Structure formats: C-alpha cells, structure tokens
Amino acid sequence: IPGLVDGGWHVWQMRWQPDGFKFFRDGAQYFSVPNKPIHVHGGAPDDFRWPFNNPGYWMTPMFTLAVGGVGAGDPAAGTFPATMLVDYVRVW
C-alpha cells in the first residue's frame, strides 16, 4: 500500500473475529477481510467455506520484509539495505 512505509514506530494489530479479520495501525482500522466462503486448499473444486472459525484452527504470525514493493514487485527496484525492527509481539 503506497505511503505506509515511513520509518516510524507503529503499533500494528490484527483482530480475528467471527465476522472476519480486521487490521489496525496505531489504533485506526486500515484493512479488513470479511467472513466469506473461500476455496479451501486441498478441497474439492466446489469446497467453499470460511474455515477460520472452526474449533482448533490455528494461525502463525509471520513477518516479512517485502523489498520489491506491493504485489510481488521486482526486488531490484527495492531500497537496500533494508531493515525491519520488531520491538515485541503479543498474541492472546
């Protein structure tokens, strides 16, 4: 998303709720993924559901430093060296 990288410290948050995922930066919501049926990997071609509310479903936090820009751009266009600093991670 153009304009999000600014070199400042921010508090990022993701809320996993029955109605979908909500993403926040410094307390302001900037993106959401609504609860809607999706094709489940490995399922039948017509297997569309929202699997994230099933008991026992788990997710793992992942942090990436995308140097090529939005949408898997060419890394050659990135700024090097690139650094991502993470002060802490809290999961509950």
N, C-alpha and C. Protein backbone atom coordinates (compact mmCIF):
# COMPACT_ATOMS: atom_id res chain seq x y z
N ILE A 1 0.86 -1.17 0.00
CA ILE A 1 0.00 0.00 0.00
C ILE A 1 0.90 1.23 0.00
N PRO A 2 0.90 2.00 -1.04
CA PRO A 2 1.78 3.16 -1.12
C PRO A 2 1.59 4.11 0.05
N GLY A 3 2.70 4.65 0.55
CA GLY A 3 2.64 5.63 1.61
C GLY A 3 2.68 5.06 3.02
N LEU A 4 2.63 3.72 3.18
CA LEU A 4 2.65 3.15 4.52
C LEU A 4 4.04 3.11 5.12
N VAL A 5 5.07 3.04 4.32
CA VAL A 5 6.43 2.95 4.84
C VAL A 5 6.92 4.35 5.13
N ASP A 6 7.25 4.58 6.42
CA ASP A 6 7.69 5.92 6.77
C ASP A 6 8.84 5.94 7.75
N GLY A 7 9.32 4.79 8.18
CA GLY A 7 10.46 4.74 9.08
C GLY A 7 10.11 4.97 10.54
N GLY A 8 8.85 5.22 10.87
CA GLY A 8 8.45 5.45 12.25
C GLY A 8 8.08 4.15 12.96
N TRP A 9 7.94 4.25 14.28
CA TRP A 9 7.48 3.12 15.08
C TRP A 9 5.96 3.14 15.11
N HIS A 10 5.35 1.97 14.93
CA HIS A 10 3.89 1.89 14.90
C HIS A 10 3.43 0.67 15.68
N VAL A 11 2.19 0.73 16.12
CA VAL A 11 1.54 -0.42 16.77
C VAL A 11 0.59 -1.01 15.76
N TRP A 12 0.87 -2.25 15.36
CA TRP A 12 0.04 -2.97 14.40
C TRP A 12 -0.79 -3.99 15.16
N GLN A 13 -2.00 -4.21 14.70
CA GLN A 13 -2.89 -5.14 15.38
C GLN A 13 -3.75 -5.86 14.35
N MET A 14 -4.00 -7.14 14.62
CA MET A 14 -4.95 -7.90 13.81
C MET A 14 -5.96 -8.52 14.75
N ARG A 15 -7.22 -8.33 14.46
CA ARG A 15 -8.29 -8.95 15.25
C ARG A 15 -8.93 -10.05 14.42
N TRP A 16 -8.96 -11.23 14.99
CA TRP A 16 -9.56 -12.40 14.35
C TRP A 16 -10.92 -12.57 15.01
N GLN A 17 -11.99 -12.21 14.30
CA GLN A 17 -13.33 -12.22 14.85
C GLN A 17 -14.24 -13.09 13.99
N PRO A 18 -15.38 -13.53 14.51
CA PRO A 18 -16.29 -14.36 13.72
C PRO A 18 -16.71 -13.72 12.40
N ASP A 19 -16.74 -12.37 12.33
CA ASP A 19 -17.17 -11.71 11.10
C ASP A 19 -16.01 -11.42 10.15
N GLY A 20 -14.80 -11.87 10.48
CA GLY A 20 -13.65 -11.70 9.59
C GLY A 20 -12.42 -11.19 10.31
N PHE A 21 -11.45 -10.72 9.56
CA PHE A 21 -10.21 -10.20 10.10
C PHE A 21 -10.20 -8.68 9.95
N LYS A 22 -9.71 -8.01 10.97
CA LYS A 22 -9.57 -6.55 10.91
C LYS A 22 -8.13 -6.20 11.26
N PHE A 23 -7.53 -5.31 10.48
CA PHE A 23 -6.15 -4.90 10.66
C PHE A 23 -6.10 -3.43 11.02
N PHE A 24 -5.25 -3.08 11.99
CA PHE A 24 -5.16 -1.71 12.51
C PHE A 24 -3.71 -1.26 12.52
N ARG A 25 -3.51 0.02 12.36
CA ARG A 25 -2.20 0.66 12.52
C ARG A 25 -2.41 1.85 13.45
N ASP A 26 -1.72 1.83 14.57
CA ASP A 26 -1.83 2.90 15.57
C ASP A 26 -3.28 3.17 15.97
N GLY A 27 -4.07 2.11 16.10
CA GLY A 27 -5.45 2.23 16.56
C GLY A 27 -6.49 2.50 15.49
N ALA A 28 -6.07 2.82 14.27
CA ALA A 28 -7.02 3.11 13.19
C ALA A 28 -7.12 1.92 12.24
N GLN A 29 -8.33 1.47 11.98
CA GLN A 29 -8.51 0.36 11.06
C GLN A 29 -8.15 0.80 9.65
N TYR A 30 -7.34 -0.02 8.95
CA TYR A 30 -6.96 0.34 7.59
C TYR A 30 -7.28 -0.76 6.59
N PHE A 31 -7.66 -1.96 7.06
CA PHE A 31 -7.93 -3.05 6.13
C PHE A 31 -8.79 -4.08 6.84
N SER A 32 -9.66 -4.75 6.11
CA SER A 32 -10.44 -5.84 6.69
C SER A 32 -10.68 -6.92 5.64
N VAL A 33 -10.87 -8.12 6.12
CA VAL A 33 -11.22 -9.27 5.27
C VAL A 33 -12.52 -9.83 5.83
N PRO A 34 -13.63 -9.66 5.11
CA PRO A 34 -14.91 -10.12 5.65
C PRO A 34 -15.01 -11.64 5.64
N ASN A 35 -15.84 -12.16 6.54
CA ASN A 35 -16.13 -13.58 6.60
C ASN A 35 -16.94 -13.94 5.36
N LYS A 36 -16.29 -14.61 4.42
CA LYS A 36 -16.99 -15.03 3.21
C LYS A 36 -16.41 -16.37 2.78
N PRO A 37 -17.18 -17.20 2.13
CA PRO A 37 -16.68 -18.51 1.71
C PRO A 37 -15.50 -18.37 0.73
N ILE A 38 -14.45 -19.15 0.99
CA ILE A 38 -13.28 -19.20 0.11
C ILE A 38 -13.01 -20.65 -0.24
N HIS A 39 -12.26 -20.86 -1.31
CA HIS A 39 -11.89 -22.22 -1.67
C HIS A 39 -10.84 -22.70 -0.69
N VAL A 40 -11.08 -23.87 -0.11
CA VAL A 40 -10.17 -24.43 0.88
C VAL A 40 -9.11 -25.25 0.17
N HIS A 41 -7.83 -24.93 0.42
CA HIS A 41 -6.71 -25.62 -0.22
C HIS A 41 -6.82 -27.13 0.00
N GLY A 42 -6.69 -27.87 -1.06
CA GLY A 42 -6.76 -29.33 -1.00
C GLY A 42 -8.17 -29.88 -1.03
N GLY A 43 -9.16 -29.01 -1.01
CA GLY A 43 -10.55 -29.46 -1.03
C GLY A 43 -11.05 -29.67 -2.45
N ALA A 44 -12.24 -30.18 -2.53
CA ALA A 44 -12.88 -30.39 -3.83
C ALA A 44 -13.07 -29.04 -4.52
N PRO A 45 -13.18 -29.04 -5.86
CA PRO A 45 -13.34 -27.78 -6.59
C PRO A 45 -14.52 -26.93 -6.11
N ASP A 46 -15.55 -27.58 -5.56
CA ASP A 46 -16.72 -26.82 -5.09
C ASP A 46 -16.71 -26.64 -3.56
N ASP A 47 -15.57 -26.87 -2.91
CA ASP A 47 -15.46 -26.75 -1.45
C ASP A 47 -15.13 -25.30 -1.08
N PHE A 48 -16.17 -24.52 -0.88
CA PHE A 48 -16.03 -23.12 -0.49
C PHE A 48 -16.62 -22.94 0.91
N ARG A 49 -15.82 -22.44 1.85
CA ARG A 49 -16.28 -22.19 3.20
C ARG A 49 -15.35 -21.20 3.88
N TRP A 50 -15.73 -20.72 5.03
CA TRP A 50 -14.89 -19.84 5.85
C TRP A 50 -14.30 -20.73 6.95
N PRO A 51 -13.10 -21.26 6.76
CA PRO A 51 -12.56 -22.27 7.69
C PRO A 51 -12.03 -21.70 9.00
N PHE A 52 -11.87 -20.39 9.08
CA PHE A 52 -11.14 -19.79 10.20
C PHE A 52 -11.90 -19.81 11.53
N ASN A 53 -13.21 -20.06 11.52
CA ASN A 53 -13.97 -20.11 12.76
C ASN A 53 -14.14 -21.53 13.29
N ASN A 54 -13.56 -22.52 12.61
CA ASN A 54 -13.67 -23.90 13.07
C ASN A 54 -12.85 -24.08 14.34
N PRO A 55 -13.40 -24.78 15.36
CA PRO A 55 -12.61 -25.04 16.58
C PRO A 55 -11.31 -25.76 16.23
N GLY A 56 -10.25 -25.34 16.84
CA GLY A 56 -8.96 -25.98 16.60
C GLY A 56 -8.16 -25.36 15.47
N TYR A 57 -8.74 -24.45 14.70
CA TYR A 57 -7.99 -23.80 13.62
C TYR A 57 -6.97 -22.86 14.25
N TRP A 58 -5.75 -22.88 13.76
CA TRP A 58 -4.72 -22.01 14.32
C TRP A 58 -3.98 -21.30 13.20
N MET A 59 -3.41 -20.18 13.56
CA MET A 59 -2.63 -19.39 12.61
C MET A 59 -1.30 -19.04 13.25
N THR A 60 -0.30 -18.78 12.44
CA THR A 60 1.03 -18.44 12.92
C THR A 60 1.40 -17.04 12.43
N PRO A 61 1.84 -16.16 13.34
CA PRO A 61 2.29 -14.84 12.88
C PRO A 61 3.51 -14.97 11.98
N MET A 62 3.55 -14.16 10.93
CA MET A 62 4.69 -14.15 10.02
C MET A 62 5.02 -12.70 9.69
N PHE A 63 6.29 -12.38 9.76
CA PHE A 63 6.74 -11.02 9.46
C PHE A 63 7.64 -11.09 8.23
N THR A 64 7.36 -10.28 7.25
CA THR A 64 8.16 -10.29 6.03
C THR A 64 8.62 -8.87 5.69
N LEU A 65 9.76 -8.80 5.07
CA LEU A 65 10.28 -7.52 4.60
C LEU A 65 10.25 -7.57 3.08
N ALA A 66 9.19 -7.01 2.51
CA ALA A 66 8.99 -7.05 1.06
C ALA A 66 9.75 -5.89 0.42
N VAL A 67 10.90 -6.17 -0.13
CA VAL A 67 11.73 -5.11 -0.70
C VAL A 67 11.33 -4.77 -2.13
N GLY A 68 10.47 -5.59 -2.74
CA GLY A 68 10.09 -5.35 -4.13
C GLY A 68 8.84 -4.52 -4.30
N GLY A 69 8.24 -4.08 -3.22
CA GLY A 69 7.05 -3.27 -3.33
C GLY A 69 5.77 -4.09 -3.27
N VAL A 70 4.66 -3.44 -3.46
CA VAL A 70 3.35 -4.06 -3.37
C VAL A 70 3.13 -5.00 -4.55
N GLY A 71 2.51 -6.14 -4.27
CA GLY A 71 2.14 -7.07 -5.34
C GLY A 71 3.29 -7.86 -5.92
N ALA A 72 4.27 -8.22 -5.10
CA ALA A 72 5.40 -9.04 -5.54
C ALA A 72 6.16 -8.38 -6.68
N GLY A 73 6.51 -7.13 -6.48
CA GLY A 73 7.26 -6.40 -7.50
C GLY A 73 8.69 -6.89 -7.60
N ASP A 74 9.43 -6.34 -8.52
CA ASP A 74 10.80 -6.72 -8.77
C ASP A 74 11.69 -6.24 -7.62
N PRO A 75 12.39 -7.14 -6.91
CA PRO A 75 13.25 -6.72 -5.80
C PRO A 75 14.37 -5.76 -6.25
N ALA A 76 14.74 -5.80 -7.51
CA ALA A 76 15.78 -4.91 -8.00
C ALA A 76 15.38 -3.43 -7.84
N ALA A 77 14.08 -3.16 -7.76
CA ALA A 77 13.60 -1.79 -7.60
C ALA A 77 13.57 -1.37 -6.13
N GLY A 78 13.92 -2.28 -5.22
CA GLY A 78 13.88 -2.00 -3.79
C GLY A 78 15.02 -1.12 -3.33
N THR A 79 14.94 -0.69 -2.09
CA THR A 79 15.99 0.10 -1.47
C THR A 79 16.80 -0.81 -0.57
N PHE A 80 18.11 -0.84 -0.76
CA PHE A 80 18.98 -1.71 0.01
C PHE A 80 20.07 -0.91 0.70
N PRO A 81 20.53 -1.30 1.87
CA PRO A 81 19.99 -2.42 2.64
C PRO A 81 18.63 -2.07 3.24
N ALA A 82 17.84 -3.08 3.51
CA ALA A 82 16.51 -2.90 4.09
C ALA A 82 16.48 -3.56 5.47
N THR A 83 15.77 -2.95 6.40
CA THR A 83 15.70 -3.46 7.77
C THR A 83 14.28 -3.36 8.29
N MET A 84 13.86 -4.39 9.03
CA MET A 84 12.60 -4.34 9.76
C MET A 84 12.93 -4.62 11.22
N LEU A 85 12.58 -3.69 12.09
CA LEU A 85 12.81 -3.86 13.52
C LEU A 85 11.48 -4.14 14.20
N VAL A 86 11.43 -5.17 15.02
CA VAL A 86 10.23 -5.53 15.77
C VAL A 86 10.59 -5.45 17.25
N ASP A 87 9.90 -4.60 17.98
CA ASP A 87 10.17 -4.39 19.39
C ASP A 87 9.58 -5.53 20.22
N TYR A 88 8.33 -5.92 19.97
CA TYR A 88 7.71 -7.01 20.69
C TYR A 88 6.52 -7.54 19.90
N VAL A 89 6.11 -8.76 20.24
CA VAL A 89 4.93 -9.38 19.66
C VAL A 89 4.10 -9.93 20.81
N ARG A 90 2.82 -9.63 20.80
CA ARG A 90 1.92 -10.15 21.84
C ARG A 90 0.78 -10.89 21.14
N VAL A 91 0.55 -12.13 21.55
CA VAL A 91 -0.52 -12.93 20.97
C VAL A 91 -1.36 -13.46 22.12
N TRP A 92 -2.68 -13.29 22.00
CA TRP A 92 -3.57 -13.88 23.00
C TRP A 92 -4.86 -14.27 22.38
